[in-house]
Each structure stands twice: as C-alpha cells, then as structure tokens.
Amino acid sequence: MHIPRRSLRGALPFSSLVVTGWLILSGCTSAPPQPTSMRDPQANFDVLKTFTWGDSQGGPPADEPLTIVNSQIRAAITGELQRKGYAEAVAGAKPDLVLHYETAAAEKIKTSPVRIGVGMGGYGSNGGAGVGVSSSGAKNIREGTLVLRVIDPARNAEVWNGRVSRELGKGGVPDQALIQEAVGDLLREFPAHQ
C-alpha cells in the first residue's frame, strides 16, 4: 500500500508533539516520597525469626496507654512481618529482634506541577492540534513520618532501619488504610523467610 508523502509529513510533527507532551506529563506526576532503608550486611536474617516491641525513643512513658494510632501502626507492622515469615515472641521468651519505632509530623508546602495538555481534532482531510498549559500552585499540608529500627538484642546492634513519609488526611491524623499502605511500603525491602 502506498501512503502519500504529504500524509507522513503531517503526521510526524504531531506524533513528536504527543510524545513530548507525554514525557513532560509523566515527569510531572506527584507520587509519595519513596521509603528508605538500611540493612546490616553482617546480620543473618535466616536465624532471626521472632520479634517483640521495645520502648520507642521519644515515645510516651511506659505507664501511659497505647493510643489508637500507635495500636494501628503496631498491628500493621506485625501483619507485614508475619507475612514475611516472622512470629511475635510469646511473653517471657527471648526474642530474636526488638522493634522500636518513632512517629513525627510536620507542616510542608506541596507544589502542584505545571500541567500540559495536548489535543487533536479534525474533520475529513482538515485537522488541527492544540496545546494547553496550566500554572502551578502551592498549599500547606501535614506530612507524617514513621521510622522503624530493628535491633538484634544478642549482638546489641541495629540490623535494619527504615523511614517512610506520607501526606496526612484531614485533621492531620492518618487513617488505618494510609497506615497500612505506608507500613507495606516501608517493609517491602525487609528480608523475608522462605
């Protein structure tokens, strides 16, 4: 089949415009910050199978009750570790790992990226294309951060730590779904048992 040369010339600039617009848009999408973690290369996670909760640094004193949010954080971490093959140590047993976590919240400025839209239309042999641009904006948000430290009490050494941050919902309090998502992301790189 023969395609007239004139059709190809008209299609090339538009396809370049579409590809350029797509690349710009994909570079401007806003995603939550990626979690970070570090692992002690000397730690043998194959023999570390049980965990318990330690006192969190900067947390409430031991005689204060556990808050609802802290209960949800502990439940999410426990669930993720159990999916990875770990078990919570029974009362009185010596655990292989001791978990410490800290939470913090801070006000941040969130900027919206510049958005570019590309459109095309036509009727018959006539065609047209258009490009639209919207300006960026900024708003104040509250961002929560969860830091998890995992200690091997036999060595008295930190064997893993991670940090994850998320934008908090209305009122600055995370809901259970947000906590579960953040903890899942946080522990994604935590070593799993086979």
Protein backbone atom coordinates (compact mmCIF):
# COMPACT_ATOMS: atom_id res chain seq x y z
CA MET A 1 0.00 0.00 0.00
CA HIS A 2 1.31 3.40 -0.93
CA ILE A 3 0.93 6.25 1.60
CA PRO A 4 1.22 9.70 0.08
CA ARG A 5 4.30 11.59 1.21
CA ARG A 6 2.18 14.56 2.29
CA SER A 7 0.38 12.44 4.96
CA LEU A 8 3.63 11.31 6.53
CA ARG A 9 4.97 14.83 6.81
CA GLY A 10 1.82 15.99 8.59
CA ALA A 11 1.90 13.02 11.00
CA LEU A 12 5.50 13.38 12.11
CA PRO A 13 5.23 16.77 13.85
CA PHE A 14 2.01 15.74 15.62
CA SER A 15 3.46 12.43 16.82
CA SER A 16 6.52 14.29 18.08
CA LEU A 17 4.19 16.68 19.90
CA VAL A 18 2.26 13.80 21.50
CA VAL A 19 5.45 12.02 22.63
CA THR A 20 6.91 15.26 24.00
CA GLY A 21 3.69 16.04 25.87
CA TRP A 22 3.52 12.53 27.32
CA LEU A 23 7.14 12.70 28.50
CA ILE A 24 6.57 16.07 30.16
CA LEU A 25 3.39 14.88 31.86
CA SER A 26 4.95 11.67 33.12
CA GLY A 27 7.83 13.64 34.60
CA CYS A 28 5.45 15.99 36.46
CA THR A 29 3.28 13.47 38.25
CA SER A 30 3.38 13.67 42.02
CA ALA A 31 4.00 10.46 43.96
CA PRO A 32 4.58 9.95 47.66
CA PRO A 33 8.23 10.03 48.72
CA GLN A 34 9.89 6.65 48.41
CA PRO A 35 10.74 4.86 51.65
CA THR A 36 14.38 4.47 52.55
CA SER A 37 16.01 1.63 54.45
CA MET A 38 19.40 0.31 55.53
CA ARG A 39 20.39 -3.25 56.40
CA ASP A 40 23.36 -4.51 58.38
CA PRO A 41 25.25 -6.75 55.92
CA GLN A 42 26.52 -8.88 58.83
CA ALA A 43 23.02 -9.70 60.09
CA ASN A 44 21.87 -13.26 59.38
CA PHE A 45 18.10 -12.88 58.98
CA ASP A 46 17.74 -16.63 58.32
CA VAL A 47 18.13 -17.28 62.06
CA LEU A 48 16.19 -14.22 63.26
CA LYS A 49 12.57 -15.38 63.40
CA THR A 50 10.78 -13.81 66.39
CA PHE A 51 10.20 -10.19 67.41
CA THR A 52 8.82 -8.11 70.25
CA TRP A 53 8.19 -4.42 70.88
CA GLY A 54 10.72 -2.26 72.66
CA ASP A 55 10.16 1.19 74.11
CA SER A 56 10.24 3.83 71.40
CA GLN A 57 12.68 6.66 71.87
CA GLY A 58 10.83 9.87 72.46
CA GLY A 59 7.56 7.94 72.83
CA PRO A 60 5.13 8.05 75.72
CA PRO A 61 6.32 6.77 79.11
CA ALA A 62 5.67 3.08 79.77
CA ASP A 63 2.77 3.84 82.16
CA GLU A 64 0.77 5.78 79.51
CA PRO A 65 -1.83 3.85 77.49
CA LEU A 66 -1.21 2.91 73.87
CA THR A 67 -3.02 5.33 71.54
CA ILE A 68 -5.33 4.19 68.75
CA VAL A 69 -2.87 5.34 66.08
CA ASN A 70 0.02 3.51 67.79
CA SER A 71 -2.14 0.37 68.02
CA GLN A 72 -2.82 0.61 64.28
CA ILE A 73 0.86 1.11 63.50
CA ARG A 74 1.84 -1.90 65.61
CA ALA A 75 -0.88 -4.05 64.04
CA ALA A 76 0.24 -3.07 60.52
CA ILE A 77 3.92 -3.80 61.27
CA THR A 78 3.04 -7.10 62.97
CA GLY A 79 0.90 -8.14 59.99
CA GLU A 80 3.61 -7.31 57.46
CA LEU A 81 6.30 -9.14 59.44
CA GLN A 82 4.05 -12.20 59.81
CA ARG A 83 3.51 -12.22 56.03
CA LYS A 84 7.30 -12.28 55.70
CA GLY A 85 7.58 -15.35 57.96
CA TYR A 86 8.30 -13.80 61.37
CA ALA A 87 6.35 -14.51 64.57
CA GLU A 88 5.71 -12.33 67.59
CA ALA A 89 7.60 -13.76 70.57
CA VAL A 90 5.45 -15.23 73.34
CA ALA A 91 5.53 -13.49 76.70
CA GLY A 92 8.64 -14.41 78.68
CA ALA A 93 10.55 -15.81 75.67
CA LYS A 94 13.74 -14.17 74.45
CA PRO A 95 13.03 -12.56 71.03
CA ASP A 96 15.44 -12.56 68.09
CA LEU A 97 14.50 -8.97 67.18
CA VAL A 98 13.31 -5.95 69.15
CA LEU A 99 11.29 -3.31 67.26
CA HIS A 100 11.44 0.40 68.05
CA TYR A 101 9.51 2.98 66.10
CA GLU A 102 9.06 6.72 66.17
CA THR A 103 6.50 8.97 64.53
CA ALA A 104 6.66 12.66 63.70
CA ALA A 105 4.52 15.14 61.81
CA ALA A 106 5.50 18.43 60.18
CA GLU A 107 3.91 21.13 58.08
CA LYS A 108 5.18 21.15 54.49
CA ILE A 109 4.46 23.09 51.33
CA LYS A 110 3.23 20.95 48.47
CA THR A 111 3.52 22.34 44.97
CA SER A 112 1.40 21.28 42.05
CA PRO A 113 3.36 20.74 38.85
CA VAL A 114 2.78 22.64 35.64
CA ARG A 115 0.36 20.62 33.54
CA ILE A 116 0.44 20.42 29.76
CA GLY A 117 -2.41 19.05 27.69
CA VAL A 118 -2.25 18.01 24.05
CA GLY A 119 -5.33 17.65 21.87
CA MET A 120 -6.15 16.81 18.28
CA GLY A 121 -9.25 17.07 16.19
CA GLY A 122 -10.31 17.16 12.64
CA TYR A 123 -12.98 16.58 10.06
CA GLY A 124 -12.29 14.99 6.72
CA SER A 125 -8.87 16.00 5.44
CA ASN A 126 -8.65 19.07 7.69
CA GLY A 127 -7.05 18.62 11.07
CA GLY A 128 -5.85 20.60 14.00
CA ALA A 129 -3.89 20.26 17.18
CA GLY A 130 -3.72 22.29 20.34
CA VAL A 131 -1.63 22.57 23.47
CA GLY A 132 -2.83 23.90 26.83
CA VAL A 133 -0.75 24.79 29.88
CA SER A 134 -1.92 25.35 33.47
CA SER A 135 0.11 27.13 36.11
CA SER A 136 1.45 25.53 39.23
CA GLY A 137 0.16 26.15 42.74
CA ALA A 138 1.18 25.52 46.34
CA LYS A 139 -0.65 24.52 49.51
CA ASN A 140 0.25 23.67 53.08
CA ILE A 141 -0.03 20.01 54.04
CA ARG A 142 0.78 17.95 57.12
CA GLU A 143 3.23 15.10 56.48
CA GLY A 144 3.72 12.21 58.87
CA THR A 145 6.92 10.17 59.11
CA LEU A 146 7.37 6.68 60.55
CA VAL A 147 10.86 5.41 61.42
CA LEU A 148 11.32 1.74 62.32
CA ARG A 149 14.50 0.46 63.97
CA VAL A 150 15.08 -3.30 64.29
CA ILE A 151 17.58 -4.44 66.92
CA ASP A 152 19.29 -7.82 67.40
CA PRO A 153 19.46 -8.00 71.22
CA ALA A 154 22.04 -10.83 71.16
CA ARG A 155 24.51 -8.53 69.37
CA ASN A 156 23.03 -5.31 70.81
CA ALA A 157 23.11 -3.92 67.28
CA GLU A 158 20.69 -2.35 64.86
CA VAL A 159 20.26 -4.75 61.93
CA TRP A 160 17.68 -2.83 59.87
CA ASN A 161 16.07 0.58 59.82
CA GLY A 162 13.63 2.29 57.52
CA ARG A 163 11.76 5.53 57.08
CA VAL A 164 8.53 6.32 55.25
CA SER A 165 6.59 9.59 54.93
CA ARG A 166 3.01 10.24 53.81
CA GLU A 167 0.69 13.19 53.50
CA LEU A 168 -1.80 13.02 56.35
CA GLY A 169 -5.51 13.36 55.74
CA LYS A 170 -7.94 15.88 57.13
CA GLY A 171 -7.21 16.85 60.70
CA GLY A 172 -3.59 15.63 60.39
CA VAL A 173 -4.45 12.15 61.67
CA PRO A 174 -3.72 9.12 59.44
CA ASP A 175 -6.49 6.62 58.82
CA GLN A 176 -5.97 2.87 59.00
CA ALA A 177 -5.73 2.47 55.21
CA LEU A 178 -2.98 5.09 54.99
CA ILE A 179 -1.06 3.45 57.85
CA GLN A 180 -1.33 0.01 56.21
CA GLU A 181 -0.15 1.37 52.85
CA ALA A 182 2.79 3.25 54.40
CA VAL A 183 3.90 0.26 56.50
CA GLY A 184 3.63 -2.04 53.46
CA ASP A 185 5.91 0.30 51.51
CA LEU A 186 8.26 0.67 54.48
CA LEU A 187 8.75 -3.09 54.91
CA ARG A 188 8.83 -4.01 51.22
CA GLU A 189 12.63 -4.45 51.34
CA PHE A 190 12.69 -6.14 54.76
CA PRO A 191 14.23 -9.63 54.42
CA ALA A 192 11.59 -12.38 54.16
CA HIS A 193 11.83 -16.00 55.28
CA GLN A 194 11.21 -18.69 52.66
